[in-house]
Amino acid sequence: LGVGVLEKKNAALLSLRFTCLWSVSAAQIRYSIAEEVKEGTAVGNTAKDLGLEKNSLKVRKYRIGSGGTDSLFHV
């Protein structure tokens, strides 16, 4: 095989690995609540719903941040 073919094969394998790792590391969950609920109401247990141990959150640098100017947030 020529060098060009090997480079293309390696690039394809690298791309496949990256795609697999990305799908494993990214997760999304959604919670819906009524507008009338009181402030401070618990909505969901994100760690449990993502299948994470509570003790691992600090190591993973788990955080909640505001997204833009709306009242939504992201983790």
Protein backbone atom coordinates (compact mmCIF):
# COMPACT_ATOMS: atom_id res chain seq x y z
CA LEU A 1 0.00 0.00 0.00
CA GLY A 2 1.15 3.50 -0.72
CA VAL A 3 1.80 6.17 1.90
CA GLY A 4 -1.28 8.14 0.81
CA VAL A 5 -3.56 5.14 1.32
CA LEU A 6 -2.13 4.52 4.80
CA GLU A 7 -2.61 8.17 5.75
CA LYS A 8 -6.24 8.08 4.62
CA LYS A 9 -6.83 4.82 6.50
CA ASN A 10 -5.27 6.25 9.68
CA ALA A 11 -7.31 9.44 9.36
CA ALA A 12 -10.51 7.42 8.95
CA LEU A 13 -9.70 5.29 12.02
CA LEU A 14 -8.90 8.38 14.08
CA SER A 15 -12.18 9.97 13.02
CA LEU A 16 -14.10 6.83 13.97
CA ARG A 17 -12.43 6.69 17.39
CA PHE A 18 -13.20 10.36 18.05
CA THR A 19 -16.85 9.86 17.08
CA CYS A 20 -17.19 6.85 19.39
CA LEU A 21 -15.58 8.67 22.30
CA TRP A 22 -17.73 11.76 21.77
CA SER A 23 -20.95 9.76 21.86
CA VAL A 24 -19.86 8.08 25.10
CA SER A 25 -18.86 11.33 26.82
CA ALA A 26 -21.80 13.51 25.79
CA ALA A 27 -25.21 13.17 27.41
CA GLN A 28 -28.35 15.24 27.50
CA ILE A 29 -31.37 15.08 29.77
CA ARG A 30 -34.42 17.31 29.93
CA TYR A 31 -36.81 18.07 32.71
CA SER A 32 -40.20 19.73 32.32
CA ILE A 33 -41.92 21.68 35.06
CA ALA A 34 -45.05 23.79 35.27
CA GLU A 35 -44.61 27.56 35.43
CA GLU A 36 -46.60 27.66 38.66
CA VAL A 37 -44.15 25.67 40.81
CA LYS A 38 -42.61 27.48 43.75
CA GLU A 39 -39.07 28.83 43.56
CA GLY A 40 -36.58 26.33 44.94
CA THR A 41 -38.58 23.27 43.87
CA ALA A 42 -36.40 20.23 43.18
CA VAL A 43 -36.65 19.31 39.51
CA GLY A 44 -34.49 16.22 39.11
CA ASN A 45 -31.42 14.34 40.26
CA THR A 46 -29.10 14.88 37.30
CA ALA A 47 -26.27 12.74 38.68
CA LYS A 48 -28.58 9.77 39.22
CA ASP A 49 -30.31 10.26 35.86
CA LEU A 50 -26.94 10.29 34.08
CA GLY A 51 -25.84 7.18 35.98
CA LEU A 52 -23.04 8.96 37.85
CA GLU A 53 -21.91 8.37 41.41
CA LYS A 54 -22.35 11.41 43.66
CA ASN A 55 -18.72 11.15 44.80
CA SER A 56 -17.40 11.37 41.23
CA LEU A 57 -18.96 14.78 40.48
CA LYS A 58 -16.07 16.80 41.93
CA VAL A 59 -13.48 14.75 40.03
CA ARG A 60 -15.44 15.26 36.81
CA LYS A 61 -15.67 19.03 37.51
CA TYR A 62 -19.46 18.79 37.31
CA ARG A 63 -21.02 22.25 37.23
CA ILE A 64 -24.23 24.03 36.36
CA GLY A 65 -24.04 27.22 34.35
CA SER A 66 -26.54 29.69 33.01
CA GLY A 67 -27.01 29.57 29.26
CA GLY A 68 -27.42 32.99 27.69
CA THR A 69 -30.01 35.52 28.81
CA ASP A 70 -32.90 33.09 29.26
CA SER A 71 -33.79 31.27 32.47
CA LEU A 72 -32.49 27.91 31.26
CA PHE A 73 -29.31 26.32 32.53
CA HIS A 74 -26.85 23.76 31.28
CA VAL A 75 -24.53 21.31 33.00
